[in-house]
Amino acid sequence: MVEKGGEPRKIVEAKGLKQLDDAAELQSVVDRVLGDEAENVALYRDGKTALMGHFVGRVMRETRGRANPKLVQDLLRSRLN
């Protein structure tokens, strides 16, 4: 942007850097991650709540770091509790 100029919003969109905050889109990623992690889901429900960070990390990896972490946590909590 410094070298070539441009509007920040357009640069973010062009480079695919916009944060994902669509709950429906993220819910499908959350469901897929939890489906792949059945053993860890059981451990979480048995009280190993530190696994929340693991689940958030998996969703963030799946979305290449673009997911809204607060929304991801909320969606995970709603599915896990």
PDB file of N, CA and C in Angstrom:
ATOM      1  N   MET A   1       0.831  -1.171   0.000  1.00  0.00           N
ATOM      2  CA  MET A   1       0.000   0.000   0.000  1.00  0.00           C
ATOM      3  C   MET A   1       0.888   1.251   0.000  1.00  0.00           C
ATOM      4  N   VAL A   2       1.991   1.204   0.732  1.00  0.00           N
ATOM      5  CA  VAL A   2       2.885   2.353   0.795  1.00  0.00           C
ATOM      6  C   VAL A   2       3.521   2.595  -0.572  1.00  0.00           C
ATOM      7  N   GLU A   3       3.920   1.510  -1.225  1.00  0.00           N
ATOM      8  CA  GLU A   3       4.600   1.643  -2.513  1.00  0.00           C
ATOM      9  C   GLU A   3       3.650   1.936  -3.667  1.00  0.00           C
ATOM     10  N   LYS A   4       2.528   1.230  -3.705  1.00  0.00           N
ATOM     11  CA  LYS A   4       1.637   1.320  -4.856  1.00  0.00           C
ATOM     12  C   LYS A   4       0.368   2.116  -4.588  1.00  0.00           C
ATOM     13  N   GLY A   5       0.137   2.451  -3.325  1.00  0.00           N
ATOM     14  CA  GLY A   5      -1.090   3.162  -2.984  1.00  0.00           C
ATOM     15  C   GLY A   5      -2.267   2.201  -2.967  1.00  0.00           C
ATOM     16  N   GLY A   6      -3.430   2.716  -2.850  1.00  0.00           N
ATOM     17  CA  GLY A   6      -4.633   1.900  -2.843  1.00  0.00           C
ATOM     18  C   GLY A   6      -5.402   2.052  -1.556  1.00  0.00           C
ATOM     19  N   GLU A   7      -6.636   1.666  -1.635  1.00  0.00           N
ATOM     20  CA  GLU A   7      -7.535   1.746  -0.488  1.00  0.00           C
ATOM     21  C   GLU A   7      -7.394   0.475   0.352  1.00  0.00           C
ATOM     22  N   PRO A   8      -7.170   0.611   1.652  1.00  0.00           N
ATOM     23  CA  PRO A   8      -6.950  -0.559   2.497  1.00  0.00           C
ATOM     24  C   PRO A   8      -8.038  -1.628   2.367  1.00  0.00           C
ATOM     25  N   ARG A   9      -9.295  -1.212   2.347  1.00  0.00           N
ATOM     26  CA  ARG A   9     -10.398  -2.170   2.262  1.00  0.00           C
ATOM     27  C   ARG A   9     -10.308  -3.001   0.983  1.00  0.00           C
ATOM     28  N   LYS A  10      -9.981  -2.367  -0.121  1.00  0.00           N
ATOM     29  CA  LYS A  10      -9.876  -3.085  -1.393  1.00  0.00           C
ATOM     30  C   LYS A  10      -8.680  -4.025  -1.410  1.00  0.00           C
ATOM     31  N   ILE A  11      -7.584  -3.613  -0.791  1.00  0.00           N
ATOM     32  CA  ILE A  11      -6.402  -4.469  -0.718  1.00  0.00           C
ATOM     33  C   ILE A  11      -6.701  -5.710   0.113  1.00  0.00           C
ATOM     34  N   VAL A  12      -7.365  -5.518   1.242  1.00  0.00           N
ATOM     35  CA  VAL A  12      -7.727  -6.638   2.112  1.00  0.00           C
ATOM     36  C   VAL A  12      -8.606  -7.629   1.356  1.00  0.00           C
ATOM     37  N   GLU A  13      -9.593  -7.138   0.651  1.00  0.00           N
ATOM     38  CA  GLU A  13     -10.483  -8.011  -0.112  1.00  0.00           C
ATOM     39  C   GLU A  13      -9.748  -8.716  -1.245  1.00  0.00           C
ATOM     40  N   ALA A  14      -8.899  -8.000  -1.948  1.00  0.00           N
ATOM     41  CA  ALA A  14      -8.167  -8.581  -3.077  1.00  0.00           C
ATOM     42  C   ALA A  14      -7.212  -9.679  -2.635  1.00  0.00           C
ATOM     43  N   LYS A  15      -6.642  -9.529  -1.465  1.00  0.00           N
ATOM     44  CA  LYS A  15      -5.684 -10.514  -0.962  1.00  0.00           C
ATOM     45  C   LYS A  15      -6.353 -11.601  -0.118  1.00  0.00           C
ATOM     46  N   GLY A  16      -7.671 -11.546   0.042  1.00  0.00           N
ATOM     47  CA  GLY A  16      -8.396 -12.560   0.811  1.00  0.00           C
ATOM     48  C   GLY A  16      -8.074 -12.530   2.292  1.00  0.00           C
ATOM     49  N   LEU A  17      -7.877 -11.344   2.837  1.00  0.00           N
ATOM     50  CA  LEU A  17      -7.494 -11.198   4.237  1.00  0.00           C
ATOM     51  C   LEU A  17      -8.654 -10.830   5.153  1.00  0.00           C
ATOM     52  N   LYS A  18      -9.828 -10.682   4.594  1.00  0.00           N
ATOM     53  CA  LYS A  18     -10.988 -10.268   5.387  1.00  0.00           C
ATOM     54  C   LYS A  18     -11.336 -11.343   6.416  1.00  0.00           C
ATOM     55  N   GLN A  19     -11.622 -10.903   7.634  1.00  0.00           N
ATOM     56  CA  GLN A  19     -11.961 -11.824   8.707  1.00  0.00           C
ATOM     57  C   GLN A  19     -13.304 -12.498   8.429  1.00  0.00           C
ATOM     58  N   LEU A  20     -13.347 -13.793   8.673  1.00  0.00           N
ATOM     59  CA  LEU A  20     -14.594 -14.538   8.515  1.00  0.00           C
ATOM     60  C   LEU A  20     -15.422 -14.369   9.780  1.00  0.00           C
ATOM     61  N   ASP A  21     -16.577 -13.779   9.641  1.00  0.00           N
ATOM     62  CA  ASP A  21     -17.459 -13.620  10.794  1.00  0.00           C
ATOM     63  C   ASP A  21     -18.892 -14.022  10.460  1.00  0.00           C
ATOM     64  N   ASP A  22     -19.030 -14.869   9.464  1.00  0.00           N
ATOM     65  CA  ASP A  22     -20.325 -15.428   9.094  1.00  0.00           C
ATOM     66  C   ASP A  22     -20.532 -16.698   9.913  1.00  0.00           C
ATOM     67  N   ALA A  23     -21.467 -16.627  10.859  1.00  0.00           N
ATOM     68  CA  ALA A  23     -21.687 -17.747  11.781  1.00  0.00           C
ATOM     69  C   ALA A  23     -22.043 -19.031  11.046  1.00  0.00           C
ATOM     70  N   ALA A  24     -22.842 -18.954  10.007  1.00  0.00           N
ATOM     71  CA  ALA A  24     -23.240 -20.162   9.277  1.00  0.00           C
ATOM     72  C   ALA A  24     -22.044 -20.815   8.598  1.00  0.00           C
ATOM     73  N   GLU A  25     -21.195 -20.012   7.996  1.00  0.00           N
ATOM     74  CA  GLU A  25     -20.010 -20.550   7.337  1.00  0.00           C
ATOM     75  C   GLU A  25     -19.051 -21.165   8.358  1.00  0.00           C
ATOM     76  N   LEU A  26     -18.850 -20.476   9.469  1.00  0.00           N
ATOM     77  CA  LEU A  26     -17.957 -21.001  10.495  1.00  0.00           C
ATOM     78  C   LEU A  26     -18.533 -22.220  11.186  1.00  0.00           C
ATOM     79  N   GLN A  27     -19.859 -22.285  11.307  1.00  0.00           N
ATOM     80  CA  GLN A  27     -20.479 -23.441  11.958  1.00  0.00           C
ATOM     81  C   GLN A  27     -20.158 -24.724  11.208  1.00  0.00           C
ATOM     82  N   SER A  28     -20.118 -24.659   9.885  1.00  0.00           N
ATOM     83  CA  SER A  28     -19.802 -25.862   9.121  1.00  0.00           C
ATOM     84  C   SER A  28     -18.365 -26.298   9.368  1.00  0.00           C
ATOM     85  N   VAL A  29     -17.464 -25.351   9.535  1.00  0.00           N
ATOM     86  CA  VAL A  29     -16.066 -25.688   9.843  1.00  0.00           C
ATOM     87  C   VAL A  29     -15.982 -26.282  11.248  1.00  0.00           C
ATOM     88  N   VAL A  30     -16.671 -25.665  12.202  1.00  0.00           N
ATOM     89  CA  VAL A  30     -16.702 -26.168  13.581  1.00  0.00           C
ATOM     90  C   VAL A  30     -17.238 -27.598  13.605  1.00  0.00           C
ATOM     91  N   ASP A  31     -18.323 -27.842  12.899  1.00  0.00           N
ATOM     92  CA  ASP A  31     -18.905 -29.187  12.873  1.00  0.00           C
ATOM     93  C   ASP A  31     -17.933 -30.209  12.281  1.00  0.00           C
ATOM     94  N   ARG A  32     -17.241 -29.818  11.229  1.00  0.00           N
ATOM     95  CA  ARG A  32     -16.274 -30.720  10.594  1.00  0.00           C
ATOM     96  C   ARG A  32     -15.116 -31.031  11.544  1.00  0.00           C
ATOM     97  N   VAL A  33     -14.606 -30.009  12.215  1.00  0.00           N
ATOM     98  CA  VAL A  33     -13.500 -30.206  13.153  1.00  0.00           C
ATOM     99  C   VAL A  33     -13.935 -31.114  14.298  1.00  0.00           C
ATOM    100  N   LEU A  34     -15.100 -30.852  14.863  1.00  0.00           N
ATOM    101  CA  LEU A  34     -15.570 -31.679  15.976  1.00  0.00           C
ATOM    102  C   LEU A  34     -15.848 -33.110  15.526  1.00  0.00           C
ATOM    103  N   GLY A  35     -16.309 -33.290  14.308  1.00  0.00           N
ATOM    104  CA  GLY A  35     -16.524 -34.630  13.765  1.00  0.00           C
ATOM    105  C   GLY A  35     -15.230 -35.407  13.635  1.00  0.00           C
ATOM    106  N   ASP A  36     -14.149 -34.695  13.320  1.00  0.00           N
ATOM    107  CA  ASP A  36     -12.836 -35.332  13.188  1.00  0.00           C
ATOM    108  C   ASP A  36     -12.185 -35.588  14.539  1.00  0.00           C
ATOM    109  N   GLU A  37     -12.686 -34.965  15.577  1.00  0.00           N
ATOM    110  CA  GLU A  37     -12.054 -35.000  16.900  1.00  0.00           C
ATOM    111  C   GLU A  37     -12.950 -35.667  17.951  1.00  0.00           C
ATOM    112  N   ALA A  38     -13.616 -36.735  17.595  1.00  0.00           N
ATOM    113  CA  ALA A  38     -14.581 -37.373  18.496  1.00  0.00           C
ATOM    114  C   ALA A  38     -13.965 -37.734  19.853  1.00  0.00           C
ATOM    115  N   GLU A  39     -12.745 -38.245  19.836  1.00  0.00           N
ATOM    116  CA  GLU A  39     -12.100 -38.633  21.099  1.00  0.00           C
ATOM    117  C   GLU A  39     -11.848 -37.405  21.975  1.00  0.00           C
ATOM    118  N   ASN A  40     -11.360 -36.322  21.371  1.00  0.00           N
ATOM    119  CA  ASN A  40     -11.118 -35.103  22.142  1.00  0.00           C
ATOM    120  C   ASN A  40     -12.413 -34.438  22.595  1.00  0.00           C
ATOM    121  N   VAL A  41     -13.467 -34.572  21.812  1.00  0.00           N
ATOM    122  CA  VAL A  41     -14.773 -34.046  22.226  1.00  0.00           C
ATOM    123  C   VAL A  41     -15.224 -34.765  23.495  1.00  0.00           C
ATOM    124  N   ALA A  42     -15.063 -36.071  23.528  1.00  0.00           N
ATOM    125  CA  ALA A  42     -15.436 -36.845  24.727  1.00  0.00           C
ATOM    126  C   ALA A  42     -14.598 -36.412  25.925  1.00  0.00           C
ATOM    127  N   LEU A  43     -13.303 -36.210  25.721  1.00  0.00           N
ATOM    128  CA  LEU A  43     -12.438 -35.760  26.812  1.00  0.00           C
ATOM    129  C   LEU A  43     -12.852 -34.376  27.299  1.00  0.00           C
ATOM    130  N   TYR A  44     -13.197 -33.479  26.378  1.00  0.00           N
ATOM    131  CA  TYR A  44     -13.651 -32.148  26.755  1.00  0.00           C
ATOM    132  C   TYR A  44     -14.903 -32.250  27.619  1.00  0.00           C
ATOM    133  N   ARG A  45     -15.830 -33.053  27.183  1.00  0.00           N
ATOM    134  CA  ARG A  45     -17.092 -33.199  27.928  1.00  0.00           C
ATOM    135  C   ARG A  45     -16.893 -33.895  29.266  1.00  0.00           C
ATOM    136  N   ASP A  46     -15.788 -34.621  29.409  1.00  0.00           N
ATOM    137  CA  ASP A  46     -15.455 -35.254  30.688  1.00  0.00           C
ATOM    138  C   ASP A  46     -14.690 -34.311  31.612  1.00  0.00           C
ATOM    139  N   GLY A  47     -14.487 -33.073  31.184  1.00  0.00           N
ATOM    140  CA  GLY A  47     -13.882 -32.083  32.058  1.00  0.00           C
ATOM    141  C   GLY A  47     -12.544 -31.526  31.609  1.00  0.00           C
ATOM    142  N   LYS A  48     -11.992 -32.027  30.542  1.00  0.00           N
ATOM    143  CA  LYS A  48     -10.700 -31.522  30.065  1.00  0.00           C
ATOM    144  C   LYS A  48     -10.941 -30.299  29.166  1.00  0.00           C
ATOM    145  N   THR A  49     -11.398 -29.221  29.805  1.00  0.00           N
ATOM    146  CA  THR A  49     -11.828 -28.029  29.076  1.00  0.00           C
ATOM    147  C   THR A  49     -10.675 -27.262  28.426  1.00  0.00           C
ATOM    148  N   ALA A  50      -9.440 -27.594  28.781  1.00  0.00           N
ATOM    149  CA  ALA A  50      -8.291 -26.951  28.141  1.00  0.00           C
ATOM    150  C   ALA A  50      -8.225 -27.294  26.653  1.00  0.00           C
ATOM    151  N   LEU A  51      -8.961 -28.302  26.235  1.00  0.00           N
ATOM    152  CA  LEU A  51      -8.993 -28.674  24.819  1.00  0.00           C
ATOM    153  C   LEU A  51      -9.680 -27.620  23.958  1.00  0.00           C
ATOM    154  N   MET A  52     -10.337 -26.654  24.589  1.00  0.00           N
ATOM    155  CA  MET A  52     -10.983 -25.591  23.815  1.00  0.00           C
ATOM    156  C   MET A  52      -9.954 -24.909  22.919  1.00  0.00           C
ATOM    157  N   GLY A  53      -8.769 -24.649  23.448  1.00  0.00           N
ATOM    158  CA  GLY A  53      -7.713 -24.021  22.662  1.00  0.00           C
ATOM    159  C   GLY A  53      -7.324 -24.860  21.455  1.00  0.00           C
ATOM    160  N   HIS A  54      -7.311 -26.165  21.637  1.00  0.00           N
ATOM    161  CA  HIS A  54      -7.005 -27.078  20.525  1.00  0.00           C
ATOM    162  C   HIS A  54      -8.060 -26.966  19.436  1.00  0.00           C
ATOM    163  N   PHE A  55      -9.322 -26.967  19.834  1.00  0.00           N
ATOM    164  CA  PHE A  55     -10.416 -26.873  18.861  1.00  0.00           C
ATOM    165  C   PHE A  55     -10.383 -25.530  18.129  1.00  0.00           C
ATOM    166  N   VAL A  56     -10.165 -24.451  18.874  1.00  0.00           N
ATOM    167  CA  VAL A  56     -10.076 -23.129  18.244  1.00  0.00           C
ATOM    168  C   VAL A  56      -8.919 -23.119  17.249  1.00  0.00           C
ATOM    169  N   GLY A  57      -7.801 -23.683  17.648  1.00  0.00           N
ATOM    170  CA  GLY A  57      -6.643 -23.743  16.760  1.00  0.00           C
ATOM    171  C   GLY A  57      -6.919 -24.497  15.477  1.00  0.00           C
ATOM    172  N   ARG A  58      -7.644 -25.600  15.601  1.00  0.00           N
ATOM    173  CA  ARG A  58      -7.990 -26.383  14.403  1.00  0.00           C
ATOM    174  C   ARG A  58      -8.877 -25.586  13.454  1.00  0.00           C
ATOM    175  N   VAL A  59      -9.860 -24.880  14.014  1.00  0.00           N
ATOM    176  CA  VAL A  59     -10.748 -24.067  13.174  1.00  0.00           C
ATOM    177  C   VAL A  59      -9.946 -22.939  12.525  1.00  0.00           C
ATOM    178  N   MET A  60      -9.061 -22.317  13.285  1.00  0.00           N
ATOM    179  CA  MET A  60      -8.245 -21.243  12.732  1.00  0.00           C
ATOM    180  C   MET A  60      -7.358 -21.772  11.604  1.00  0.00           C
ATOM    181  N   ARG A  61      -6.818 -22.954  11.783  1.00  0.00           N
ATOM    182  CA  ARG A  61      -5.991 -23.563  10.737  1.00  0.00           C
ATOM    183  C   ARG A  61      -6.818 -23.840   9.487  1.00  0.00           C
ATOM    184  N   GLU A  62      -8.019 -24.367   9.690  1.00  0.00           N
ATOM    185  CA  GLU A  62      -8.907 -24.681   8.563  1.00  0.00           C
ATOM    186  C   GLU A  62      -9.278 -23.422   7.769  1.00  0.00           C
ATOM    187  N   THR A  63      -9.375 -22.304   8.464  1.00  0.00           N
ATOM    188  CA  THR A  63      -9.766 -21.056   7.803  1.00  0.00           C
ATOM    189  C   THR A  63      -8.552 -20.176   7.485  1.00  0.00           C
ATOM    190  N   ARG A  64      -7.375 -20.742   7.618  1.00  0.00           N
ATOM    191  CA  ARG A  64      -6.113 -20.025   7.369  1.00  0.00           C
ATOM    192  C   ARG A  64      -6.006 -18.738   8.189  1.00  0.00           C
ATOM    193  N   GLY A  65      -6.456 -18.818   9.444  1.00  0.00           N
ATOM    194  CA  GLY A  65      -6.323 -17.702  10.367  1.00  0.00           C
ATOM    195  C   GLY A  65      -7.315 -16.582  10.175  1.00  0.00           C
ATOM    196  N   ARG A  66      -8.291 -16.781   9.329  1.00  0.00           N
ATOM    197  CA  ARG A  66      -9.228 -15.695   9.011  1.00  0.00           C
ATOM    198  C   ARG A  66     -10.479 -15.691   9.878  1.00  0.00           C
ATOM    199  N   ALA A  67     -10.727 -16.751  10.618  1.00  0.00           N
ATOM    200  CA  ALA A  67     -11.955 -16.829  11.417  1.00  0.00           C
ATOM    201  C   ALA A  67     -11.899 -15.855  12.593  1.00  0.00           C
ATOM    202  N   ASN A  68     -13.050 -15.348  12.961  1.00  0.00           N
ATOM    203  CA  ASN A  68     -13.183 -14.497  14.143  1.00  0.00           C
ATOM    204  C   ASN A  68     -13.062 -15.414  15.364  1.00  0.00           C
ATOM    205  N   PRO A  69     -11.964 -15.325  16.132  1.00  0.00           N
ATOM    206  CA  PRO A  69     -11.738 -16.268  17.225  1.00  0.00           C
ATOM    207  C   PRO A  69     -12.827 -16.253  18.300  1.00  0.00           C
ATOM    208  N   LYS A  70     -13.366 -15.084  18.601  1.00  0.00           N
ATOM    209  CA  LYS A  70     -14.435 -14.998  19.614  1.00  0.00           C
ATOM    210  C   LYS A  70     -15.672 -15.747  19.138  1.00  0.00           C
ATOM    211  N   LEU A  71     -16.025 -15.560  17.879  1.00  0.00           N
ATOM    212  CA  LEU A  71     -17.179 -16.258  17.321  1.00  0.00           C
ATOM    213  C   LEU A  71     -16.924 -17.762  17.284  1.00  0.00           C
ATOM    214  N   VAL A  72     -15.708 -18.155  16.944  1.00  0.00           N
ATOM    215  CA  VAL A  72     -15.356 -19.586  16.920  1.00  0.00           C
ATOM    216  C   VAL A  72     -15.546 -20.186  18.306  1.00  0.00           C
ATOM    217  N   GLN A  73     -15.060 -19.507  19.335  1.00  0.00           N
ATOM    218  CA  GLN A  73     -15.233 -20.007  20.704  1.00  0.00           C
ATOM    219  C   GLN A  73     -16.702 -20.134  21.065  1.00  0.00           C
ATOM    220  N   ASP A  74     -17.493 -19.140  20.720  1.00  0.00           N
ATOM    221  CA  ASP A  74     -18.928 -19.180  21.016  1.00  0.00           C
ATOM    222  C   ASP A  74     -19.595 -20.363  20.315  1.00  0.00           C
ATOM    223  N   LEU A  75     -19.255 -20.573  19.050  1.00  0.00           N
ATOM    224  CA  LEU A  75     -19.849 -21.682  18.296  1.00  0.00           C
ATOM    225  C   LEU A  75     -19.413 -23.027  18.866  1.00  0.00           C
ATOM    226  N   LEU A  76     -18.150 -23.134  19.234  1.00  0.00           N
ATOM    227  CA  LEU A  76     -17.660 -24.384  19.836  1.00  0.00           C
ATOM    228  C   LEU A  76     -18.361 -24.653  21.165  1.00  0.00           C
ATOM    229  N   ARG A  77     -18.481 -23.629  21.995  1.00  0.00           N
ATOM    230  CA  ARG A  77     -19.154 -23.819  23.296  1.00  0.00           C
ATOM    231  C   ARG A  77     -20.601 -24.282  23.110  1.00  0.00           C
ATOM    232  N   SER A  78     -21.275 -23.693  22.134  1.00  0.00           N
ATOM    233  CA  SER A  78     -22.674 -24.083  21.925  1.00  0.00           C
ATOM    234  C   SER A  78     -22.780 -25.536  21.482  1.00  0.00           C
ATOM    235  N   ARG A  79     -21.814 -26.034  20.742  1.00  0.00           N
ATOM    236  CA  ARG A  79     -21.829 -27.431  20.286  1.00  0.00           C
ATOM    237  C   ARG A  79     -21.331 -28.401  21.355  1.00  0.00           C
ATOM    238  N   LEU A  80     -20.388 -27.956  22.180  1.00  0.00           N
ATOM    239  CA  LEU A  80     -19.772 -28.864  23.139  1.00  0.00           C
ATOM    240  C   LEU A  80     -20.522 -28.954  24.458  1.00  0.00           C
ATOM    241  N   ASN A  81     -21.302 -27.942  24.791  1.00  0.00           N
ATOM    242  CA  ASN A  81     -21.993 -27.957  26.094  1.00  0.00           C
ATOM    243  C   ASN A  81     -23.438 -28.333  25.973  1.00  0.00           C
TER     244      ASN A  81
END
